[in-house]
Amino acid sequence: MQDQKIIVIGGLSGIGRAVAEQAAAKGAQVVAAGRRKAPADFPAHIATAQVDISDDASVARFFEGIGAFDHLVVTAGPVIGSAKLADLPIADAIAAFNIKFFGQLRAAQQALRHLRPNGSITFTSGLLARKAAPGSLVKATMNAATEIMAKTLAKELAPLRVNVVSPGMVESGMWGDMSEADRKAMAERAGAKLPVGRVGQSEDLAQAYLLLMQNGFMTGSIVDVDGGGLL
């Protein structure tokens, strides 16, 4: 990845930040972007930018200022609770899709003019795309839509490669606002149910994104990094 240019949307925190840091450690030139400003402790050697993937104009402006690059990674997603159909606010479902599905679609569309021919796009879905559970309708459908989008684009955009990383339970900000003690307790409960005996960390997931950027023989792939959650 030496001297390759990588864009990570969602790259200022959580999984995206881990991707940005690991890619930079391998010699890549990285731009980490997110809706908010970079936190004070963000590595100074990684360039940062702001973009709102729920807004067409914001995404277009962002990519106009980027220039040519090699790989796009999108890890940004909404924090959304679980609700059964009878209690589901449709407006919340639409807002979640606008970030997770249409946001990734916007990013890919705007990136096309700037991606180098041997480059790649890596989206992010989630375990619930293929593991049905009551109350997970929105999470399941927007992640499943992301996965079939990637497979379709892998054929349409070839030789560009398009792949997906599907995380399972990961200890990150995607769990929403909670105390550190509550976060650790939730992680321990969830991890005890998994074959590996723990929940994932952002660094675990980042390795999968780097694999998909570096392996030129992978396209249309969905890489599950879930500790055996689908089992």
Protein backbone atom coordinates (compact mmCIF):
# COMPACT_ATOMS: atom_id res chain seq x y z
CA MET A 1 0.00 0.00 0.00
CA GLN A 2 3.08 2.20 -0.11
CA ASP A 3 2.18 5.63 -1.59
CA GLN A 4 -1.36 4.61 -2.52
CA LYS A 5 -4.05 7.16 -1.71
CA ILE A 6 -6.96 5.94 0.39
CA ILE A 7 -10.16 7.71 1.36
CA VAL A 8 -11.93 6.51 4.51
CA ILE A 9 -15.38 8.00 5.07
CA GLY A 10 -16.26 7.37 8.68
CA GLY A 11 -12.53 7.45 9.30
CA LEU A 12 -12.48 9.77 12.32
CA SER A 13 -13.67 7.20 14.85
CA GLY A 14 -14.27 3.52 15.52
CA ILE A 15 -13.64 1.03 12.74
CA GLY A 16 -12.90 3.72 10.16
CA ARG A 17 -10.22 5.27 12.31
CA ALA A 18 -8.58 1.88 12.77
CA VAL A 19 -8.60 1.40 8.98
CA ALA A 20 -7.03 4.82 8.48
CA GLU A 21 -4.32 4.19 11.07
CA GLN A 22 -3.43 0.71 9.81
CA ALA A 23 -3.32 1.86 6.16
CA ALA A 24 -1.11 4.82 7.07
CA ALA A 25 1.20 2.48 8.99
CA LYS A 26 1.68 0.55 5.74
CA GLY A 27 2.77 3.69 3.90
CA ALA A 28 -0.53 4.78 2.36
CA GLN A 29 -1.53 8.41 1.99
CA VAL A 30 -4.83 8.52 3.89
CA VAL A 31 -7.66 11.05 4.04
CA ALA A 32 -10.04 10.30 6.91
CA ALA A 33 -13.39 12.05 6.65
CA GLY A 34 -16.46 12.33 8.81
CA ARG A 35 -19.41 14.55 9.61
CA ARG A 36 -17.72 16.13 12.61
CA LYS A 37 -14.26 17.59 13.06
CA ALA A 38 -11.40 15.25 13.93
CA PRO A 39 -10.97 14.60 17.66
CA ALA A 40 -8.06 16.20 19.47
CA ASP A 41 -6.16 12.91 19.74
CA PHE A 42 -6.38 12.09 16.02
CA PRO A 43 -2.97 11.20 14.47
CA ALA A 44 -1.41 14.31 12.96
CA HIS A 45 0.11 12.42 10.01
CA ILE A 46 -3.35 11.45 8.65
CA ALA A 47 -5.19 14.14 6.68
CA THR A 48 -8.78 14.84 7.73
CA ALA A 49 -11.86 16.36 6.13
CA GLN A 50 -15.55 16.83 6.81
CA VAL A 51 -18.34 15.32 4.71
CA ASP A 52 -22.00 14.49 5.32
CA ILE A 53 -22.85 11.40 3.29
CA SER A 54 -26.57 12.04 3.76
CA ASP A 55 -26.23 15.20 1.64
CA ASP A 56 -25.64 15.10 -2.13
CA ALA A 57 -23.92 18.49 -2.31
CA SER A 58 -21.59 17.75 0.61
CA VAL A 59 -20.43 14.48 -0.97
CA ALA A 60 -19.91 16.13 -4.37
CA ARG A 61 -17.84 18.96 -2.85
CA PHE A 62 -15.74 16.52 -0.88
CA PHE A 63 -14.70 14.44 -3.88
CA GLU A 64 -14.07 17.48 -6.09
CA GLY A 65 -11.31 18.49 -3.69
CA ILE A 66 -9.72 15.04 -3.38
CA GLY A 67 -8.20 14.39 -6.80
CA ALA A 68 -7.24 10.93 -8.07
CA PHE A 69 -7.01 8.12 -5.53
CA ASP A 70 -6.76 4.33 -5.29
CA HIS A 71 -9.24 3.03 -2.71
CA LEU A 72 -12.49 4.16 -1.11
CA VAL A 73 -13.62 2.72 2.21
CA VAL A 74 -16.96 3.69 3.75
CA THR A 75 -17.64 2.76 7.37
CA ALA A 76 -20.03 5.58 8.29
CA GLY A 77 -23.44 4.52 9.56
CA PRO A 78 -26.32 5.60 11.75
CA VAL A 79 -26.91 4.72 15.39
CA ILE A 80 -30.41 3.25 15.35
CA GLY A 81 -32.27 1.30 17.96
CA SER A 82 -34.33 -1.84 17.55
CA ALA A 83 -38.07 -1.58 16.96
CA LYS A 84 -40.70 -4.04 15.85
CA LEU A 85 -42.82 -3.11 12.86
CA ALA A 86 -45.82 -1.93 14.87
CA ASP A 87 -43.66 0.56 16.75
CA LEU A 88 -41.30 1.57 13.93
CA PRO A 89 -41.19 5.31 13.07
CA ILE A 90 -40.95 5.22 9.28
CA ALA A 91 -39.16 8.58 9.27
CA ASP A 92 -36.38 7.05 11.38
CA ALA A 93 -36.09 4.16 8.94
CA ILE A 94 -35.81 6.55 5.99
CA ALA A 95 -33.15 8.60 7.79
CA ALA A 96 -31.13 5.46 8.58
CA PHE A 97 -31.28 4.29 4.95
CA ASN A 98 -30.23 7.74 3.78
CA ILE A 99 -26.97 7.34 5.67
CA LYS A 100 -26.16 3.62 5.54
CA PHE A 101 -27.39 2.66 2.07
CA PHE A 102 -27.83 5.84 0.05
CA GLY A 103 -24.84 7.44 1.76
CA GLN A 104 -22.56 4.64 0.55
CA LEU A 105 -24.20 4.82 -2.88
CA ARG A 106 -23.57 8.59 -3.06
CA ALA A 107 -19.96 8.13 -2.08
CA ALA A 108 -19.38 5.44 -4.71
CA GLN A 109 -21.05 7.46 -7.45
CA GLN A 110 -19.05 10.60 -6.75
CA ALA A 111 -15.82 8.64 -6.35
CA LEU A 112 -16.04 7.09 -9.82
CA ARG A 113 -14.49 10.04 -11.63
CA HIS A 114 -11.49 10.03 -9.31
CA LEU A 115 -10.76 6.35 -8.63
CA ARG A 116 -7.81 4.90 -10.51
CA PRO A 117 -8.68 1.89 -12.76
CA ASN A 118 -6.96 -0.69 -10.54
CA GLY A 119 -8.62 0.66 -7.41
CA SER A 120 -11.37 -0.57 -5.14
CA ILE A 121 -14.46 0.37 -3.16
CA THR A 122 -15.19 -1.30 0.16
CA PHE A 123 -18.61 -0.88 1.76
CA THR A 124 -19.75 -1.86 5.25
CA SER A 125 -22.83 -3.96 5.99
CA GLY A 126 -23.50 -5.99 9.14
CA LEU A 127 -24.31 -9.43 10.49
CA LEU A 128 -28.07 -8.78 10.61
CA ALA A 129 -28.19 -8.70 6.81
CA ARG A 130 -28.19 -12.50 6.94
CA LYS A 131 -29.37 -13.27 10.46
CA ALA A 132 -33.03 -12.47 10.98
CA ALA A 133 -34.09 -11.24 14.41
CA PRO A 134 -37.28 -9.55 15.65
CA GLY A 135 -36.88 -5.79 15.89
CA SER A 136 -33.99 -5.67 13.42
CA LEU A 137 -35.99 -4.85 10.28
CA VAL A 138 -34.24 -1.58 9.42
CA LYS A 139 -30.74 -2.78 10.26
CA ALA A 140 -31.26 -6.02 8.35
CA THR A 141 -32.70 -4.51 5.20
CA MET A 142 -30.26 -1.62 4.81
CA ASN A 143 -27.31 -3.97 5.30
CA ALA A 144 -28.72 -6.56 2.90
CA ALA A 145 -29.28 -3.80 0.34
CA THR A 146 -25.64 -2.76 0.73
CA GLU A 147 -24.43 -6.30 0.06
CA ILE A 148 -26.38 -6.77 -3.18
CA MET A 149 -25.35 -3.25 -4.26
CA ALA A 150 -21.71 -4.27 -3.93
CA LYS A 151 -22.16 -7.48 -5.92
CA THR A 152 -23.98 -5.62 -8.69
CA LEU A 153 -21.36 -2.87 -8.85
CA ALA A 154 -18.53 -5.41 -8.85
CA LYS A 155 -19.77 -6.50 -12.29
CA GLU A 156 -20.88 -3.08 -13.52
CA LEU A 157 -17.71 -1.19 -12.55
CA ALA A 158 -15.09 -3.85 -13.39
CA PRO A 159 -12.09 -3.74 -13.42
CA LEU A 160 -12.68 -1.64 -10.31
CA ARG A 161 -13.17 -4.03 -7.42
CA VAL A 162 -16.14 -3.68 -5.06
CA ASN A 163 -16.39 -5.59 -1.78
CA VAL A 164 -18.08 -5.52 1.62
CA VAL A 165 -16.96 -6.06 5.19
CA SER A 166 -19.75 -7.36 7.42
CA PRO A 167 -19.00 -6.76 11.11
CA GLY A 168 -20.62 -8.66 13.93
CA MET A 169 -20.77 -7.32 17.47
CA VAL A 170 -17.97 -4.75 17.75
CA GLU A 171 -17.16 -2.64 20.78
CA SER A 172 -17.45 0.82 19.29
CA GLY A 173 -19.38 4.08 19.30
CA MET A 174 -22.05 2.41 17.18
CA TRP A 175 -23.53 1.15 20.44
CA GLY A 176 -24.65 4.70 21.16
CA ASP A 177 -24.09 6.77 24.28
CA MET A 178 -23.42 4.72 27.39
CA SER A 179 -20.96 4.75 30.26
CA GLU A 180 -17.68 2.89 29.95
CA ALA A 181 -18.79 0.46 32.66
CA ASP A 182 -22.04 -0.28 30.81
CA ARG A 183 -20.15 -0.72 27.55
CA LYS A 184 -17.75 -3.23 29.09
CA ALA A 185 -20.58 -5.14 30.74
CA MET A 186 -22.49 -5.33 27.45
CA ALA A 187 -19.35 -6.49 25.65
CA GLU A 188 -18.78 -9.25 28.18
CA ARG A 189 -22.37 -10.51 27.93
CA ALA A 190 -22.36 -10.47 24.15
CA GLY A 191 -18.88 -11.95 23.83
CA ALA A 192 -19.72 -14.88 26.07
CA LYS A 193 -22.26 -16.05 23.48
CA LEU A 194 -19.77 -16.10 20.59
CA PRO A 195 -17.51 -19.00 19.60
CA VAL A 196 -14.41 -16.81 20.02
CA GLY A 197 -15.49 -15.75 23.51
CA ARG A 198 -15.36 -12.00 22.97
CA VAL A 199 -16.78 -9.18 20.89
CA GLY A 200 -14.72 -7.60 18.13
CA GLN A 201 -12.48 -4.57 18.35
CA SER A 202 -12.05 -1.94 15.65
CA GLU A 203 -8.55 -3.23 14.98
CA ASP A 204 -9.93 -6.70 14.17
CA LEU A 205 -12.22 -5.24 11.54
CA ALA A 206 -9.60 -2.96 10.03
CA GLN A 207 -7.54 -5.97 8.96
CA ALA A 208 -10.39 -7.11 6.70
CA TYR A 209 -10.59 -3.76 4.92
CA LEU A 210 -6.85 -3.81 4.31
CA LEU A 211 -7.13 -7.34 2.91
CA LEU A 212 -9.78 -6.23 0.43
CA MET A 213 -7.75 -3.24 -0.70
CA GLN A 214 -4.56 -5.26 -1.14
CA ASN A 215 -5.87 -8.50 -2.68
CA GLY A 216 -6.44 -7.80 -6.36
CA PHE A 217 -8.28 -11.11 -6.87
CA MET A 218 -11.19 -10.29 -4.56
CA THR A 219 -14.30 -8.58 -5.87
CA GLY A 220 -17.99 -9.01 -5.11
CA SER A 221 -16.91 -10.55 -1.81
CA ILE A 222 -18.62 -10.22 1.55
CA VAL A 223 -16.09 -10.76 4.32
CA ASP A 224 -17.70 -11.68 7.65
CA VAL A 225 -15.72 -10.56 10.69
CA ASP A 226 -18.15 -11.55 13.41
CA GLY A 227 -16.46 -13.90 15.84
CA GLY A 228 -18.72 -16.69 14.61
CA GLY A 229 -21.90 -14.66 15.15
CA LEU A 230 -23.57 -16.04 12.03
CA LEU A 231 -23.14 -19.55 13.38
